[in-house]
Amino acid sequence: MILKQAQASTHEPFDLHLHSNCSDGSDTPAQVVQAAYERGVTLIALTDHDNVLGVPEAMAEAERIGVRLLPSIEMDAEWPHEMHILGLDIDIEEPRMRAALVIALARRAERNTEIVARLLRIGIDIRASIAGEVGSATRLNIALALVKGGYAADTKEAFAKYLRKGCPGFFTAERFTPEEIIRLILGAGGVPVWAHPMNGHADPHKLVPLLKERGLQGVEGYHPSLSKGDSVVLTSIARQKGLIVTCGSDYHGAHRPEAVPGQTWRDSALLNECRAFFEARPQRKLADISAVGFEQATLNAE
């Protein structure tokens, strides 16, 4: 069981699910670290969607102010519905992971190009409103562009009217399977954790055992999308299966102002064991992490 590896625990807040403007957050990687530090969070993971481009900047800021940062990622999967898997404390230079992220960019560019084309067919042109390149935008970026262009009152309406399944702008490209993602994360020396497990009306009773067989090591038991009852169910399943229980705010800065760093942490035995587990891992240093871009690609997805 993974939890047996944790010999000691601390009682300081941590947050293992944060996004910067290298994916669909509003803050720079350094600002994400600062936002967490200002709220007393001393262990964090930058988990941008399918990219690690913000890790070097975040690591430098974390070392400067005395916060421990786990170089991490959030990757998209499809099985049997969309799910997201966190890769915590990974080696961002691992060749197979780097190659996979280039593939992810190509798939995402295909998706975004098709979404823009479908919106154009109904008279909606958001190209001038998207921050950055169309090919590297996230679905949240597209929703924000719809709001900026006056086609929706807010991002919730943008998703409901245009981007959800059955809507005129819906399109999904091929994704990696959970097994492929878990294998990539493990190969990069990281810890694979199922993010916000109740999204998509998933059944954790069925999926957690299957994912564990494929190498899953943890479940995000505390997330803003989860009710108290959801967390009880998820933490119970995690205990039964010997999995780590993590907490994350899914911070996106001004793009989701209701989420703040550290908000889902609580002083509980399971979370203290989780922190102790990560504190016991050798700390990755900035000197070991380069700022190389994957084929100059900003890899973003939701």
Protein backbone atom coordinates (compact mmCIF):
# COMPACT_ATOMS: atom_id res chain seq x y z
CA MET A 1 0.00 0.00 0.00
CA ILE A 2 1.31 3.43 -0.94
CA LEU A 3 0.30 5.11 2.29
CA LYS A 4 2.61 2.86 4.31
CA GLN A 5 5.55 4.67 2.74
CA ALA A 6 4.66 7.86 4.65
CA GLN A 7 6.48 7.73 7.98
CA ALA A 8 5.63 11.19 9.26
CA SER A 9 3.07 13.88 8.62
CA THR A 10 2.89 17.64 8.80
CA HIS A 11 -0.15 19.78 9.34
CA GLU A 12 0.52 22.60 6.89
CA PRO A 13 -1.85 23.37 3.98
CA PHE A 14 -1.03 22.07 0.52
CA ASP A 15 -2.67 22.30 -2.90
CA LEU A 16 -1.83 19.86 -5.68
CA HIS A 17 -4.00 21.25 -8.51
CA LEU A 18 -3.18 24.76 -9.78
CA HIS A 19 -3.16 26.30 -13.28
CA SER A 20 -1.19 29.17 -14.81
CA ASN A 21 -1.50 31.12 -18.04
CA CYS A 22 0.58 28.43 -19.72
CA SER A 23 -2.77 26.67 -19.97
CA ASP A 24 -6.11 28.21 -19.01
CA GLY A 25 -5.32 30.19 -15.89
CA SER A 26 -4.91 33.97 -15.82
CA ASP A 27 -1.78 34.19 -13.63
CA THR A 28 1.81 33.66 -14.64
CA PRO A 29 3.46 30.61 -13.07
CA ALA A 30 5.30 32.86 -10.58
CA GLN A 31 2.04 34.59 -9.65
CA VAL A 32 0.40 31.21 -9.00
CA VAL A 33 3.17 30.37 -6.53
CA GLN A 34 2.79 33.79 -4.89
CA ALA A 35 -1.00 33.40 -4.60
CA ALA A 36 -0.57 30.07 -2.84
CA TYR A 37 2.14 31.40 -0.52
CA GLU A 38 -0.01 34.37 0.48
CA ARG A 39 -2.67 31.93 1.68
CA GLY A 40 -0.22 29.91 3.75
CA VAL A 41 0.11 27.02 1.29
CA THR A 42 3.64 25.59 1.48
CA LEU A 43 3.45 22.55 -0.84
CA ILE A 44 1.99 23.03 -4.32
CA ALA A 45 1.80 21.41 -7.74
CA LEU A 46 1.57 23.38 -10.97
CA THR A 47 -0.69 21.15 -13.09
CA ASP A 48 -1.22 22.92 -16.39
CA HIS A 49 -3.21 21.04 -19.01
CA ASP A 50 -0.97 18.75 -21.05
CA ASN A 51 2.10 20.97 -20.72
CA VAL A 52 4.94 21.73 -18.34
CA LEU A 53 6.16 24.99 -19.88
CA GLY A 54 5.43 26.97 -16.70
CA VAL A 55 7.34 24.65 -14.38
CA PRO A 56 10.79 26.32 -14.58
CA GLU A 57 9.39 29.78 -13.77
CA ALA A 58 7.23 28.40 -10.98
CA MET A 59 10.13 26.40 -9.56
CA ALA A 60 12.36 29.47 -9.51
CA GLU A 61 9.75 31.48 -7.62
CA ALA A 62 9.07 28.62 -5.22
CA GLU A 63 12.76 28.32 -4.38
CA ARG A 64 12.99 32.10 -3.94
CA ILE A 65 10.18 32.36 -1.38
CA GLY A 66 10.58 28.98 0.31
CA VAL A 67 7.65 26.96 -1.03
CA ARG A 68 8.05 23.38 -2.23
CA LEU A 69 6.74 22.92 -5.75
CA LEU A 70 6.11 19.55 -7.39
CA PRO A 71 6.65 19.74 -11.17
CA SER A 72 3.39 18.34 -12.42
CA ILE A 73 0.80 18.14 -15.19
CA GLU A 74 -2.90 17.44 -15.81
CA MET A 75 -3.55 15.17 -18.78
CA ASP A 76 -6.80 14.43 -20.61
CA ALA A 77 -8.07 10.92 -21.22
CA GLU A 78 -11.16 9.30 -22.72
CA TRP A 79 -12.36 6.03 -21.14
CA PRO A 80 -15.30 5.54 -21.19
CA HIS A 81 -15.83 9.29 -20.81
CA GLU A 82 -13.54 12.30 -20.48
CA MET A 83 -11.39 12.17 -17.37
CA HIS A 84 -8.35 14.07 -16.19
CA ILE A 85 -5.31 12.53 -14.54
CA LEU A 86 -2.76 14.50 -12.55
CA GLY A 87 0.89 13.55 -12.93
CA LEU A 88 2.44 14.79 -9.70
CA ASP A 89 6.17 15.30 -9.22
CA ILE A 90 7.25 14.22 -12.69
CA ASP A 91 10.56 14.52 -14.52
CA ILE A 92 9.59 17.07 -17.17
CA GLU A 93 12.57 16.15 -19.33
CA GLU A 94 11.59 12.48 -19.69
CA PRO A 95 11.69 11.76 -23.46
CA ARG A 96 8.51 9.69 -23.76
CA MET A 97 6.50 12.29 -21.90
CA ARG A 98 7.91 15.05 -24.10
CA ALA A 99 7.02 13.10 -27.25
CA ALA A 100 3.50 12.47 -25.97
CA LEU A 101 2.92 16.16 -25.35
CA VAL A 102 3.85 16.98 -28.94
CA ILE A 103 1.19 14.48 -30.05
CA ALA A 104 -1.29 16.09 -27.65
CA LEU A 105 -0.65 19.49 -29.21
CA ALA A 106 -1.35 18.21 -32.71
CA ARG A 107 -4.62 16.62 -31.58
CA ARG A 108 -5.64 19.77 -29.76
CA ALA A 109 -4.92 21.97 -32.75
CA GLU A 110 -7.18 19.72 -34.82
CA ARG A 111 -9.93 20.02 -32.23
CA ASN A 112 -9.73 23.78 -31.90
CA THR A 113 -9.63 24.37 -35.65
CA GLU A 114 -12.79 22.30 -36.03
CA ILE A 115 -14.55 24.09 -33.15
CA VAL A 116 -13.79 27.49 -34.68
CA ALA A 117 -15.00 26.25 -38.08
CA ARG A 118 -18.26 24.96 -36.61
CA LEU A 119 -18.87 28.24 -34.83
CA LEU A 120 -18.18 30.13 -38.05
CA ARG A 121 -20.85 28.06 -39.79
CA ILE A 122 -23.46 29.54 -37.44
CA GLY A 123 -22.15 33.08 -37.82
CA ILE A 124 -19.85 33.25 -34.78
CA ASP A 125 -16.28 34.39 -35.35
CA ILE A 126 -14.13 34.25 -32.21
CA ARG A 127 -10.69 34.21 -33.85
CA ALA A 128 -9.87 37.78 -32.90
CA SER A 129 -11.02 37.23 -29.31
CA ILE A 130 -8.96 34.16 -28.45
CA ALA A 131 -5.89 34.86 -26.34
CA GLY A 132 -2.86 33.41 -28.13
CA GLU A 133 -2.93 30.99 -31.03
CA VAL A 134 -6.16 29.23 -31.96
CA GLY A 135 -4.37 25.91 -32.22
CA SER A 136 -3.14 25.98 -28.62
CA ALA A 137 -6.30 27.33 -26.93
CA THR A 138 -8.19 25.46 -24.24
CA ARG A 139 -11.95 25.06 -24.22
CA LEU A 140 -12.03 27.56 -21.37
CA ASN A 141 -10.09 30.00 -23.58
CA ILE A 142 -12.70 29.46 -26.31
CA ALA A 143 -15.50 30.05 -23.79
CA LEU A 144 -13.82 33.26 -22.66
CA ALA A 145 -13.57 34.35 -26.32
CA LEU A 146 -17.30 33.74 -26.74
CA VAL A 147 -17.95 35.99 -23.76
CA LYS A 148 -15.56 38.65 -25.03
CA GLY A 149 -17.23 38.59 -28.43
CA GLY A 150 -20.65 39.12 -26.87
CA TYR A 151 -22.01 35.68 -27.74
CA ALA A 152 -22.49 34.60 -24.13
CA ALA A 153 -22.97 36.35 -20.80
CA ASP A 154 -20.38 34.22 -19.02
CA THR A 155 -18.34 31.06 -19.51
CA LYS A 156 -21.08 28.88 -18.02
CA GLU A 157 -23.49 30.06 -20.71
CA ALA A 158 -20.77 29.70 -23.37
CA PHE A 159 -20.29 26.04 -22.53
CA ALA A 160 -24.04 25.40 -22.23
CA LYS A 161 -24.93 27.06 -25.57
CA TYR A 162 -21.95 26.25 -27.75
CA LEU A 163 -19.36 23.84 -26.35
CA ARG A 164 -21.10 20.98 -24.56
CA LYS A 165 -21.94 17.71 -26.28
CA GLY A 166 -24.87 18.28 -28.65
CA CYS A 167 -24.07 21.99 -29.08
CA PRO A 168 -23.03 23.54 -32.42
CA GLY A 169 -19.42 24.08 -31.38
CA PHE A 170 -18.82 20.69 -29.79
CA PHE A 171 -16.01 18.57 -31.18
CA THR A 172 -13.56 16.21 -29.53
CA ALA A 173 -10.32 14.87 -30.95
CA GLU A 174 -8.60 11.61 -30.15
CA ARG A 175 -7.18 11.44 -26.61
CA PHE A 176 -4.78 9.15 -24.83
CA THR A 177 -6.33 6.35 -22.79
CA PRO A 178 -5.99 6.45 -19.00
CA GLU A 179 -3.67 3.45 -19.21
CA GLU A 180 -1.39 5.32 -21.63
CA ILE A 181 -1.36 8.43 -19.45
CA ILE A 182 -0.69 6.48 -16.26
CA ARG A 183 2.17 4.67 -17.99
CA LEU A 184 3.63 8.00 -19.16
CA ILE A 185 3.42 9.51 -15.68
CA LEU A 186 4.99 6.48 -14.02
CA GLY A 187 7.69 6.45 -16.69
CA ALA A 188 8.46 10.07 -15.84
CA GLY A 189 8.90 9.14 -12.18
CA GLY A 190 5.59 10.74 -11.17
CA VAL A 191 2.50 9.85 -9.17
CA PRO A 192 -0.73 9.43 -11.20
CA VAL A 193 -3.84 10.77 -9.45
CA TRP A 194 -7.42 10.83 -10.76
CA ALA A 195 -8.53 14.49 -10.76
CA HIS A 196 -12.07 15.60 -9.76
CA PRO A 197 -13.34 12.00 -10.06
CA MET A 198 -17.06 12.77 -10.05
CA ASN A 199 -16.92 14.89 -13.21
CA GLY A 200 -18.80 13.29 -16.08
CA HIS A 201 -20.99 11.31 -13.66
CA ALA A 202 -18.28 8.70 -13.23
CA ASP A 203 -18.76 5.72 -10.93
CA PRO A 204 -15.67 5.61 -8.70
CA HIS A 205 -16.69 2.25 -7.25
CA LYS A 206 -16.16 0.70 -10.68
CA LEU A 207 -13.41 2.90 -12.10
CA VAL A 208 -11.01 3.21 -9.17
CA PRO A 209 -10.26 -0.55 -9.03
CA LEU A 210 -9.79 -0.65 -12.81
CA LEU A 211 -7.51 2.39 -12.77
CA LYS A 212 -5.51 1.00 -9.86
CA GLU A 213 -4.89 -2.17 -11.87
CA ARG A 214 -3.39 0.10 -14.53
CA GLY A 215 -1.12 1.85 -12.03
CA LEU A 216 -3.20 4.68 -10.50
CA GLN A 217 -1.71 5.75 -7.17
CA GLY A 218 -4.10 8.38 -5.90
CA VAL A 219 -7.51 10.04 -5.97
CA GLU A 220 -8.29 13.75 -5.63
CA GLY A 221 -10.70 13.38 -2.73
CA TYR A 222 -11.13 17.10 -2.06
CA HIS A 223 -11.96 19.44 -4.98
CA PRO A 224 -14.40 22.37 -5.32
CA SER A 225 -16.67 20.27 -7.55
CA LEU A 226 -17.11 17.60 -4.86
CA SER A 227 -19.80 17.66 -2.21
CA LYS A 228 -19.02 16.56 1.34
CA GLY A 229 -20.75 13.27 0.55
CA ASP A 230 -18.67 12.81 -2.60
CA SER A 231 -15.48 13.26 -0.58
CA VAL A 232 -16.65 10.72 1.99
CA VAL A 233 -17.24 8.17 -0.76
CA LEU A 234 -13.94 8.85 -2.51
CA THR A 235 -11.82 8.80 0.64
CA SER A 236 -13.47 5.55 1.73
CA ILE A 237 -12.67 3.92 -1.62
CA ALA A 238 -9.11 5.25 -1.48
CA ARG A 239 -8.58 3.80 2.00
CA GLN A 240 -9.91 0.43 0.86
CA LYS A 241 -7.57 0.39 -2.14
CA GLY A 242 -4.51 1.83 -0.40
CA LEU A 243 -4.42 4.95 -2.56
CA ILE A 244 -3.22 8.45 -1.74
CA VAL A 245 -5.92 11.06 -1.14
CA THR A 246 -5.01 14.52 -2.47
CA CYS A 247 -6.67 17.93 -2.34
CA GLY A 248 -6.69 20.64 -4.98
CA SER A 249 -8.40 23.97 -5.60
CA ASP A 250 -8.20 23.79 -9.43
CA TYR A 251 -7.10 27.41 -9.24
CA HIS A 252 -7.38 29.39 -12.50
CA GLY A 253 -6.90 32.92 -11.17
CA ALA A 254 -9.34 35.51 -12.53
CA HIS A 255 -10.78 33.00 -14.98
CA ARG A 256 -12.39 31.13 -12.07
CA PRO A 257 -12.28 33.61 -9.18
CA GLU A 258 -14.34 31.38 -6.90
CA ALA A 259 -11.40 28.97 -6.58
CA VAL A 260 -8.56 30.03 -4.27
CA PRO A 261 -5.35 28.17 -3.39
CA GLY A 262 -5.62 25.86 -0.41
CA GLN A 263 -9.40 26.04 -0.10
CA THR A 264 -9.94 22.27 -0.13
CA TRP A 265 -7.23 21.40 2.39
CA ARG A 266 -8.23 20.30 5.87
CA ASP A 267 -6.19 18.98 8.79
CA SER A 268 -7.08 15.31 8.38
CA ALA A 269 -5.14 12.09 8.77
CA LEU A 270 -5.42 11.13 5.09
CA LEU A 271 -4.22 14.50 3.83
CA ASN A 272 -1.41 14.64 6.37
CA GLU A 273 -0.32 11.17 5.18
CA CYS A 274 -0.45 12.43 1.59
CA ARG A 275 1.76 15.40 2.41
CA ALA A 276 4.21 13.20 4.29
CA PHE A 277 4.39 10.89 1.29
CA PHE A 278 5.41 13.72 -1.05
CA GLU A 279 7.74 15.32 1.51
CA ALA A 280 9.56 11.99 1.74
CA ARG A 281 10.30 12.00 -2.00
CA PRO A 282 13.65 13.50 -3.08
CA GLN A 283 13.09 17.14 -3.96
CA ARG A 284 13.59 18.07 -7.61
CA LYS A 285 15.80 21.12 -8.07
CA LEU A 286 15.59 23.99 -10.53
CA ALA A 287 19.09 23.15 -11.76
CA ASP A 288 17.73 19.82 -13.03
CA ILE A 289 14.87 21.45 -14.96
CA SER A 290 15.39 23.36 -18.19
CA ALA A 291 13.05 25.88 -19.77
CA VAL A 292 13.02 24.03 -23.10
CA GLY A 293 9.73 24.27 -25.00
CA PHE A 294 8.38 21.13 -26.61
CA GLU A 295 8.90 21.94 -30.28
CA GLN A 296 8.19 25.56 -29.22
CA ALA A 297 4.67 24.40 -28.47
CA THR A 298 2.43 25.88 -25.82
CA LEU A 299 0.47 22.73 -25.03
CA ASN A 300 -2.94 23.63 -23.65
CA ALA A 301 -6.14 21.67 -23.29
CA GLU A 302 -9.06 21.30 -20.98
